[in-house]
Amino acid sequence: MLSGAFDLGGELPVNPDGGLKAFGHPIGASGLRMLFECWLQLRGEAPAERTIASIAAGRKLALTHNLGGAPGECVSFVSVVGSEPTA
């Protein structure tokens, strides 16, 4: 989006680590790599050049989405990680 919503400083940043274009697609490991990036971001341990501004400002949730398999045998995995205060 041209508005910057998906940039590191935007409201919903996407692929701060570059996604599959930066890391390739090792079968079975892509989803784990995505979760690792969420873990780094939420702990404040991501490198400065890819730190998400809204997490640095206190956001506590991250989401990953991964697809895999062959036609007719596809798996979709969505993970929401982090913590939110309970009411």
PDB file of N, CA and C in Angstrom:
ATOM      1  N   MET A   1       0.830  -1.176   0.000  1.00  0.00           N
ATOM      2  CA  MET A   1       0.000   0.000   0.000  1.00  0.00           C
ATOM      3  C   MET A   1       0.878   1.243   0.000  1.00  0.00           C
ATOM      4  N   LEU A   2       0.496   2.220  -0.722  1.00  0.00           N
ATOM      5  CA  LEU A   2       1.258   3.455  -0.780  1.00  0.00           C
ATOM      6  C   LEU A   2       1.150   4.267   0.504  1.00  0.00           C
ATOM      7  N   SER A   3       0.147   3.986   1.330  1.00  0.00           N
ATOM      8  CA  SER A   3      -0.038   4.751   2.567  1.00  0.00           C
ATOM      9  C   SER A   3       1.022   4.426   3.619  1.00  0.00           C
ATOM     10  N   GLY A   4       1.737   3.318   3.455  1.00  0.00           N
ATOM     11  CA  GLY A   4       2.763   2.923   4.411  1.00  0.00           C
ATOM     12  C   GLY A   4       2.246   2.055   5.548  1.00  0.00           C
ATOM     13  N   ALA A   5       1.003   1.606   5.474  1.00  0.00           N
ATOM     14  CA  ALA A   5       0.410   0.807   6.549  1.00  0.00           C
ATOM     15  C   ALA A   5       1.192  -0.480   6.819  1.00  0.00           C
ATOM     16  N   PHE A   6       1.832  -1.043   5.791  1.00  0.00           N
ATOM     17  CA  PHE A   6       2.533  -2.314   5.947  1.00  0.00           C
ATOM     18  C   PHE A   6       4.039  -2.148   6.110  1.00  0.00           C
ATOM     19  N   ASP A   7       4.531  -0.917   6.206  1.00  0.00           N
ATOM     20  CA  ASP A   7       5.952  -0.632   6.429  1.00  0.00           C
ATOM     21  C   ASP A   7       6.305  -0.841   7.893  1.00  0.00           C
ATOM     22  N   LEU A   8       7.588  -0.867   8.218  1.00  0.00           N
ATOM     23  CA  LEU A   8       8.022  -1.068   9.609  1.00  0.00           C
ATOM     24  C   LEU A   8       7.377  -0.072  10.565  1.00  0.00           C
ATOM     25  N   GLY A   9       7.191   1.160  10.131  1.00  0.00           N
ATOM     26  CA  GLY A   9       6.584   2.178  10.982  1.00  0.00           C
ATOM     27  C   GLY A   9       5.085   2.272  10.839  1.00  0.00           C
ATOM     28  N   GLY A  10       4.475   1.414  10.017  1.00  0.00           N
ATOM     29  CA  GLY A  10       3.042   1.469   9.763  1.00  0.00           C
ATOM     30  C   GLY A  10       2.210   0.760  10.816  1.00  0.00           C
ATOM     31  N   GLU A  11       0.908   0.822  10.639  1.00  0.00           N
ATOM     32  CA  GLU A  11      -0.038   0.229  11.584  1.00  0.00           C
ATOM     33  C   GLU A  11       0.013  -1.302  11.586  1.00  0.00           C
ATOM     34  N   LEU A  12       0.217  -1.931  10.419  1.00  0.00           N
ATOM     35  CA  LEU A  12       0.258  -3.396  10.305  1.00  0.00           C
ATOM     36  C   LEU A  12       1.489  -3.834   9.512  1.00  0.00           C
ATOM     37  N   PRO A  13       2.670  -3.738  10.080  1.00  0.00           N
ATOM     38  CA  PRO A  13       3.886  -4.083   9.345  1.00  0.00           C
ATOM     39  C   PRO A  13       3.901  -5.551   8.898  1.00  0.00           C
ATOM     40  N   VAL A  14       4.419  -5.790   7.698  1.00  0.00           N
ATOM     41  CA  VAL A  14       4.471  -7.125   7.113  1.00  0.00           C
ATOM     42  C   VAL A  14       5.909  -7.447   6.725  1.00  0.00           C
ATOM     43  N   ASN A  15       6.347  -8.661   7.026  1.00  0.00           N
ATOM     44  CA  ASN A  15       7.663  -9.172   6.644  1.00  0.00           C
ATOM     45  C   ASN A  15       8.822  -8.249   7.005  1.00  0.00           C
ATOM     46  N   PRO A  16       9.009  -7.936   8.275  1.00  0.00           N
ATOM     47  CA  PRO A  16      10.120  -7.070   8.647  1.00  0.00           C
ATOM     48  C   PRO A  16      11.481  -7.686   8.331  1.00  0.00           C
ATOM     49  N   ASP A  17      11.531  -9.018   8.225  1.00  0.00           N
ATOM     50  CA  ASP A  17      12.793  -9.694   7.922  1.00  0.00           C
ATOM     51  C   ASP A  17      12.988  -9.941   6.427  1.00  0.00           C
ATOM     52  N   GLY A  18      12.080  -9.491   5.592  1.00  0.00           N
ATOM     53  CA  GLY A  18      12.200  -9.681   4.149  1.00  0.00           C
ATOM     54  C   GLY A  18      11.401 -10.858   3.616  1.00  0.00           C
ATOM     55  N   GLY A  19      10.837 -11.668   4.491  1.00  0.00           N
ATOM     56  CA  GLY A  19      10.011 -12.788   4.056  1.00  0.00           C
ATOM     57  C   GLY A  19      10.783 -13.832   3.271  1.00  0.00           C
ATOM     58  N   LEU A  20      10.083 -14.566   2.429  1.00  0.00           N
ATOM     59  CA  LEU A  20      10.705 -15.654   1.673  1.00  0.00           C
ATOM     60  C   LEU A  20      11.735 -15.157   0.663  1.00  0.00           C
ATOM     61  N   LYS A  21      11.610 -13.920   0.200  1.00  0.00           N
ATOM     62  CA  LYS A  21      12.607 -13.394  -0.736  1.00  0.00           C
ATOM     63  C   LYS A  21      13.964 -13.244  -0.063  1.00  0.00           C
ATOM     64  N   ALA A  22      13.977 -13.030   1.247  1.00  0.00           N
ATOM     65  CA  ALA A  22      15.231 -12.861   1.974  1.00  0.00           C
ATOM     66  C   ALA A  22      15.786 -14.186   2.492  1.00  0.00           C
ATOM     67  N   PHE A  23      14.915 -15.145   2.806  1.00  0.00           N
ATOM     68  CA  PHE A  23      15.368 -16.375   3.446  1.00  0.00           C
ATOM     69  C   PHE A  23      15.132 -17.633   2.631  1.00  0.00           C
ATOM     70  N   GLY A  24      14.520 -17.530   1.464  1.00  0.00           N
ATOM     71  CA  GLY A  24      14.214 -18.728   0.703  1.00  0.00           C
ATOM     72  C   GLY A  24      13.056 -19.476   1.338  1.00  0.00           C
ATOM     73  N   HIS A  25      12.864 -20.712   0.912  1.00  0.00           N
ATOM     74  CA  HIS A  25      11.723 -21.494   1.396  1.00  0.00           C
ATOM     75  C   HIS A  25      12.156 -22.922   1.697  1.00  0.00           C
ATOM     76  N   PRO A  26      12.929 -23.111   2.774  1.00  0.00           N
ATOM     77  CA  PRO A  26      13.280 -24.491   3.134  1.00  0.00           C
ATOM     78  C   PRO A  26      12.025 -25.229   3.595  1.00  0.00           C
ATOM     79  N   ILE A  27      11.735 -26.341   2.966  1.00  0.00           N
ATOM     80  CA  ILE A  27      10.518 -27.092   3.260  1.00  0.00           C
ATOM     81  C   ILE A  27      10.483 -27.460   4.747  1.00  0.00           C
ATOM     82  N   GLY A  28       9.381 -27.106   5.397  1.00  0.00           N
ATOM     83  CA  GLY A  28       9.196 -27.426   6.801  1.00  0.00           C
ATOM     84  C   GLY A  28       9.779 -26.400   7.756  1.00  0.00           C
ATOM     85  N   ALA A  29      10.601 -25.486   7.265  1.00  0.00           N
ATOM     86  CA  ALA A  29      11.252 -24.537   8.161  1.00  0.00           C
ATOM     87  C   ALA A  29      10.734 -23.108   8.014  1.00  0.00           C
ATOM     88  N   SER A  30      10.021 -22.806   6.950  1.00  0.00           N
ATOM     89  CA  SER A  30       9.561 -21.428   6.726  1.00  0.00           C
ATOM     90  C   SER A  30       8.657 -20.938   7.847  1.00  0.00           C
ATOM     91  N   GLY A  31       7.720 -21.768   8.267  1.00  0.00           N
ATOM     92  CA  GLY A  31       6.814 -21.385   9.354  1.00  0.00           C
ATOM     93  C   GLY A  31       7.560 -21.161  10.656  1.00  0.00           C
ATOM     94  N   LEU A  32       8.547 -22.001  10.929  1.00  0.00           N
ATOM     95  CA  LEU A  32       9.360 -21.824  12.138  1.00  0.00           C
ATOM     96  C   LEU A  32      10.150 -20.526  12.075  1.00  0.00           C
ATOM     97  N   ARG A  33      10.655 -20.193  10.897  1.00  0.00           N
ATOM     98  CA  ARG A  33      11.403 -18.941  10.742  1.00  0.00           C
ATOM     99  C   ARG A  33      10.489 -17.741  11.005  1.00  0.00           C
ATOM    100  N   MET A  34       9.251 -17.822  10.548  1.00  0.00           N
ATOM    101  CA  MET A  34       8.298 -16.737  10.791  1.00  0.00           C
ATOM    102  C   MET A  34       8.019 -16.582  12.285  1.00  0.00           C
ATOM    103  N   LEU A  35       7.828 -17.702  12.984  1.00  0.00           N
ATOM    104  CA  LEU A  35       7.592 -17.644  14.428  1.00  0.00           C
ATOM    105  C   LEU A  35       8.814 -17.104  15.166  1.00  0.00           C
ATOM    106  N   PHE A  36      10.004 -17.458  14.696  1.00  0.00           N
ATOM    107  CA  PHE A  36      11.231 -16.944  15.306  1.00  0.00           C
ATOM    108  C   PHE A  36      11.302 -15.422  15.166  1.00  0.00           C
ATOM    109  N   GLU A  37      10.916 -14.900  14.008  1.00  0.00           N
ATOM    110  CA  GLU A  37      10.916 -13.447  13.814  1.00  0.00           C
ATOM    111  C   GLU A  37       9.920 -12.784  14.761  1.00  0.00           C
ATOM    112  N   CYS A  38       8.740 -13.368  14.938  1.00  0.00           N
ATOM    113  CA  CYS A  38       7.771 -12.833  15.897  1.00  0.00           C
ATOM    114  C   CYS A  38       8.375 -12.809  17.294  1.00  0.00           C
ATOM    115  N   TRP A  39       9.041 -13.893  17.671  1.00  0.00           N
ATOM    116  CA  TRP A  39       9.670 -13.999  18.990  1.00  0.00           C
ATOM    117  C   TRP A  39      10.712 -12.898  19.181  1.00  0.00           C
ATOM    118  N   LEU A  40      11.569 -12.699  18.176  1.00  0.00           N
ATOM    119  CA  LEU A  40      12.571 -11.632  18.263  1.00  0.00           C
ATOM    120  C   LEU A  40      11.910 -10.265  18.419  1.00  0.00           C
ATOM    121  N   GLN A  41      10.890 -10.011  17.622  1.00  0.00           N
ATOM    122  CA  GLN A  41      10.208  -8.716  17.664  1.00  0.00           C
ATOM    123  C   GLN A  41       9.565  -8.488  19.034  1.00  0.00           C
ATOM    124  N   LEU A  42       8.812  -9.475  19.528  1.00  0.00           N
ATOM    125  CA  LEU A  42       8.090  -9.307  20.783  1.00  0.00           C
ATOM    126  C   LEU A  42       9.018  -9.180  21.988  1.00  0.00           C
ATOM    127  N   ARG A  43      10.199  -9.773  21.912  1.00  0.00           N
ATOM    128  CA  ARG A  43      11.175  -9.660  22.996  1.00  0.00           C
ATOM    129  C   ARG A  43      12.038  -8.405  22.862  1.00  0.00           C
ATOM    130  N   GLY A  44      11.879  -7.655  21.764  1.00  0.00           N
ATOM    131  CA  GLY A  44      12.688  -6.470  21.551  1.00  0.00           C
ATOM    132  C   GLY A  44      14.115  -6.794  21.147  1.00  0.00           C
ATOM    133  N   GLU A  45      14.328  -7.972  20.553  1.00  0.00           N
ATOM    134  CA  GLU A  45      15.663  -8.422  20.184  1.00  0.00           C
ATOM    135  C   GLU A  45      15.919  -8.430  18.679  1.00  0.00           C
ATOM    136  N   ALA A  46      14.980  -7.929  17.890  1.00  0.00           N
ATOM    137  CA  ALA A  46      15.202  -7.847  16.444  1.00  0.00           C
ATOM    138  C   ALA A  46      16.240  -6.756  16.165  1.00  0.00           C
ATOM    139  N   PRO A  47      17.057  -6.940  15.120  1.00  0.00           N
ATOM    140  CA  PRO A  47      18.019  -5.899  14.775  1.00  0.00           C
ATOM    141  C   PRO A  47      17.325  -4.558  14.527  1.00  0.00           C
ATOM    142  N   ALA A  48      18.007  -3.490  14.822  1.00  0.00           N
ATOM    143  CA  ALA A  48      17.414  -2.143  14.713  1.00  0.00           C
ATOM    144  C   ALA A  48      16.841  -1.863  13.337  1.00  0.00           C
ATOM    145  N   GLU A  49      17.495  -2.356  12.284  1.00  0.00           N
ATOM    146  CA  GLU A  49      17.028  -2.054  10.920  1.00  0.00           C
ATOM    147  C   GLU A  49      15.716  -2.733  10.563  1.00  0.00           C
ATOM    148  N   ARG A  50      15.254  -3.679  11.386  1.00  0.00           N
ATOM    149  CA  ARG A  50      13.959  -4.298  11.112  1.00  0.00           C
ATOM    150  C   ARG A  50      13.042  -4.318  12.325  1.00  0.00           C
ATOM    151  N   THR A  51      13.297  -3.477  13.295  1.00  0.00           N
ATOM    152  CA  THR A  51      12.427  -3.388  14.470  1.00  0.00           C
ATOM    153  C   THR A  51      11.115  -2.715  14.097  1.00  0.00           C
ATOM    154  N   ILE A  52      10.024  -3.345  14.449  1.00  0.00           N
ATOM    155  CA  ILE A  52       8.687  -2.824  14.159  1.00  0.00           C
ATOM    156  C   ILE A  52       8.354  -1.736  15.175  1.00  0.00           C
ATOM    157  N   ALA A  53       8.005  -0.565  14.685  1.00  0.00           N
ATOM    158  CA  ALA A  53       7.764   0.592  15.557  1.00  0.00           C
ATOM    159  C   ALA A  53       6.629   0.360  16.550  1.00  0.00           C
ATOM    160  N   SER A  54       5.544  -0.269  16.127  1.00  0.00           N
ATOM    161  CA  SER A  54       4.409  -0.453  17.032  1.00  0.00           C
ATOM    162  C   SER A  54       4.726  -1.446  18.149  1.00  0.00           C
ATOM    163  N   ILE A  55       5.622  -2.389  17.917  1.00  0.00           N
ATOM    164  CA  ILE A  55       6.034  -3.312  18.980  1.00  0.00           C
ATOM    165  C   ILE A  55       6.955  -2.581  19.945  1.00  0.00           C
ATOM    166  N   ALA A  56       7.856  -1.758  19.412  1.00  0.00           N
ATOM    167  CA  ALA A  56       8.725  -0.961  20.272  1.00  0.00           C
ATOM    168  C   ALA A  56       7.898  -0.012  21.140  1.00  0.00           C
ATOM    169  N   ALA A  57       6.715   0.368  20.642  1.00  0.00           N
ATOM    170  CA  ALA A  57       5.839   1.282  21.381  1.00  0.00           C
ATOM    171  C   ALA A  57       4.872   0.548  22.318  1.00  0.00           C
ATOM    172  N   GLY A  58       4.948  -0.787  22.381  1.00  0.00           N
ATOM    173  CA  GLY A  58       4.133  -1.513  23.340  1.00  0.00           C
ATOM    174  C   GLY A  58       3.160  -2.543  22.802  1.00  0.00           C
ATOM    175  N   ARG A  59       3.024  -2.682  21.484  1.00  0.00           N
ATOM    176  CA  ARG A  59       2.132  -3.721  20.948  1.00  0.00           C
ATOM    177  C   ARG A  59       2.662  -5.082  21.375  1.00  0.00           C
ATOM    178  N   LYS A  60       1.764  -5.997  21.725  1.00  0.00           N
ATOM    179  CA  LYS A  60       2.180  -7.266  22.313  1.00  0.00           C
ATOM    180  C   LYS A  60       1.770  -8.515  21.539  1.00  0.00           C
ATOM    181  N   LEU A  61       1.230  -8.370  20.336  1.00  0.00           N
ATOM    182  CA  LEU A  61       0.792  -9.519  19.554  1.00  0.00           C
ATOM    183  C   LEU A  61       1.438  -9.525  18.178  1.00  0.00           C
ATOM    184  N   ALA A  62       1.657 -10.726  17.651  1.00  0.00           N
ATOM    185  CA  ALA A  62       2.169 -10.890  16.296  1.00  0.00           C
ATOM    186  C   ALA A  62       1.412 -12.045  15.634  1.00  0.00           C
ATOM    187  N   LEU A  63       1.372 -12.068  14.311  1.00  0.00           N
ATOM    188  CA  LEU A  63       0.636 -13.091  13.570  1.00  0.00           C
ATOM    189  C   LEU A  63       1.517 -13.641  12.462  1.00  0.00           C
ATOM    190  N   THR A  64       1.476 -14.957  12.267  1.00  0.00           N
ATOM    191  CA  THR A  64       2.117 -15.579  11.107  1.00  0.00           C
ATOM    192  C   THR A  64       1.071 -16.372  10.343  1.00  0.00           C
ATOM    193  N   HIS A  65       1.323 -16.531   9.042  1.00  0.00           N
ATOM    194  CA  HIS A  65       0.447 -17.318   8.181  1.00  0.00           C
ATOM    195  C   HIS A  65       1.336 -18.052   7.203  1.00  0.00           C
ATOM    196  N   ASN A  66       1.157 -19.364   7.089  1.00  0.00           N
ATOM    197  CA  ASN A  66       2.001 -20.162   6.221  1.00  0.00           C
ATOM    198  C   ASN A  66       1.150 -21.188   5.500  1.00  0.00           C
ATOM    199  N   LEU A  67       1.462 -21.424   4.235  1.00  0.00           N
ATOM    200  CA  LEU A  67       0.788 -22.438   3.420  1.00  0.00           C
ATOM    201  C   LEU A  67       1.826 -23.433   2.930  1.00  0.00           C
ATOM    202  N   GLY A  68       1.423 -24.673   2.744  1.00  0.00           N
ATOM    203  CA  GLY A  68       2.350 -25.649   2.193  1.00  0.00           C
ATOM    204  C   GLY A  68       1.615 -26.857   1.662  1.00  0.00           C
ATOM    205  N   GLY A  69       2.328 -27.654   0.869  1.00  0.00           N
ATOM    206  CA  GLY A  69       1.766 -28.882   0.338  1.00  0.00           C
ATOM    207  C   GLY A  69       1.573 -28.841  -1.157  1.00  0.00           C
ATOM    208  N   ALA A  70       0.991 -29.894  -1.648  1.00  0.00           N
ATOM    209  CA  ALA A  70       0.709 -30.044  -3.072  1.00  0.00           C
ATOM    210  C   ALA A  70      -0.789 -29.852  -3.300  1.00  0.00           C
ATOM    211  N   PRO A  71      -1.203 -29.647  -4.533  1.00  0.00           N
ATOM    212  CA  PRO A  71      -2.644 -29.523  -4.794  1.00  0.00           C
ATOM    213  C   PRO A  71      -3.415 -30.716  -4.207  1.00  0.00           C
ATOM    214  N   GLY A  72      -4.448 -30.413  -3.469  1.00  0.00           N
ATOM    215  CA  GLY A  72      -5.246 -31.445  -2.834  1.00  0.00           C
ATOM    216  C   GLY A  72      -4.698 -31.908  -1.495  1.00  0.00           C
ATOM    217  N   GLU A  73      -3.511 -31.449  -1.135  1.00  0.00           N
ATOM    218  CA  GLU A  73      -2.876 -31.852   0.125  1.00  0.00           C
ATOM    219  C   GLU A  73      -2.297 -30.634   0.838  1.00  0.00           C
ATOM    220  N   CYS A  74      -2.960 -29.515   0.730  1.00  0.00           N
ATOM    221  CA  CYS A  74      -2.435 -28.251   1.254  1.00  0.00           C
ATOM    222  C   CYS A  74      -2.756 -28.078   2.739  1.00  0.00           C
ATOM    223  N   VAL A  75      -1.814 -27.491   3.444  1.00  0.00           N
ATOM    224  CA  VAL A  75      -1.986 -27.178   4.856  1.00  0.00           C
ATOM    225  C   VAL A  75      -1.867 -25.676   5.030  1.00  0.00           C
ATOM    226  N   SER A  76      -2.736 -25.089   5.798  1.00  0.00           N
ATOM    227  CA  SER A  76      -2.669 -23.666   6.124  1.00  0.00           C
ATOM    228  C   SER A  76      -2.502 -23.543   7.631  1.00  0.00           C
ATOM    229  N   PHE A  77      -1.550 -22.704   8.043  1.00  0.00           N
ATOM    230  CA  PHE A  77      -1.257 -22.557   9.460  1.00  0.00           C
ATOM    231  C   PHE A  77      -1.259 -21.090   9.808  1.00  0.00           C
ATOM    232  N   VAL A  78      -2.062 -20.710  10.792  1.00  0.00           N
ATOM    233  CA  VAL A  78      -2.102 -19.345  11.292  1.00  0.00           C
ATOM    234  C   VAL A  78      -1.754 -19.389  12.768  1.00  0.00           C
ATOM    235  N   SER A  79      -0.864 -18.517  13.178  1.00  0.00           N
ATOM    236  CA  SER A  79      -0.452 -18.475  14.574  1.00  0.00           C
ATOM    237  C   SER A  79      -0.490 -17.043  15.067  1.00  0.00           C
ATOM    238  N   VAL A  80      -1.132 -16.818  16.196  1.00  0.00           N
ATOM    239  CA  VAL A  80      -1.114 -15.528  16.872  1.00  0.00           C
ATOM    240  C   VAL A  80      -0.325 -15.737  18.151  1.00  0.00           C
ATOM    241  N   VAL A  81       0.759 -14.990  18.312  1.00  0.00           N
ATOM    242  CA  VAL A  81       1.628 -15.167  19.476  1.00  0.00           C
ATOM    243  C   VAL A  81       1.770 -13.846  20.218  1.00  0.00           C
ATOM    244  N   GLY A  82       2.068 -13.943  21.497  1.00  0.00           N
ATOM    245  CA  GLY A  82       2.267 -12.769  22.307  1.00  0.00           C
ATOM    246  C   GLY A  82       1.387 -12.815  23.537  1.00  0.00           C
ATOM    247  N   SER A  83       1.228 -11.667  24.140  1.00  0.00           N
ATOM    248  CA  SER A  83       0.400 -11.596  25.350  1.00  0.00           C
ATOM    249  C   SER A  83      -0.410 -10.305  25.349  1.00  0.00           C
ATOM    250  N   GLU A  84      -1.596 -10.410  25.845  1.00  0.00           N
ATOM    251  CA  GLU A  84      -2.496  -9.273  26.023  1.00  0.00           C
ATOM    252  C   GLU A  84      -3.016  -9.335  27.438  1.00  0.00           C
ATOM    253  N   PRO A  85      -3.145  -8.218  28.091  1.00  0.00           N
ATOM    254  CA  PRO A  85      -3.702  -8.263  29.454  1.00  0.00           C
ATOM    255  C   PRO A  85      -5.139  -8.786  29.423  1.00  0.00           C
ATOM    256  N   THR A  86      -5.488  -9.574  30.442  1.00  0.00           N
ATOM    257  CA  THR A  86      -6.854 -10.068  30.528  1.00  0.00           C
ATOM    258  C   THR A  86      -7.680  -9.114  31.385  1.00  0.00           C
ATOM    259  N   ALA A  87      -8.946  -9.033  31.058  1.00  0.00           N
ATOM    260  CA  ALA A  87      -9.831  -8.115  31.787  1.00  0.00           C
ATOM    261  C   ALA A  87     -10.325  -8.713  33.065  1.00  0.00           C
TER     262      ALA A  87
END
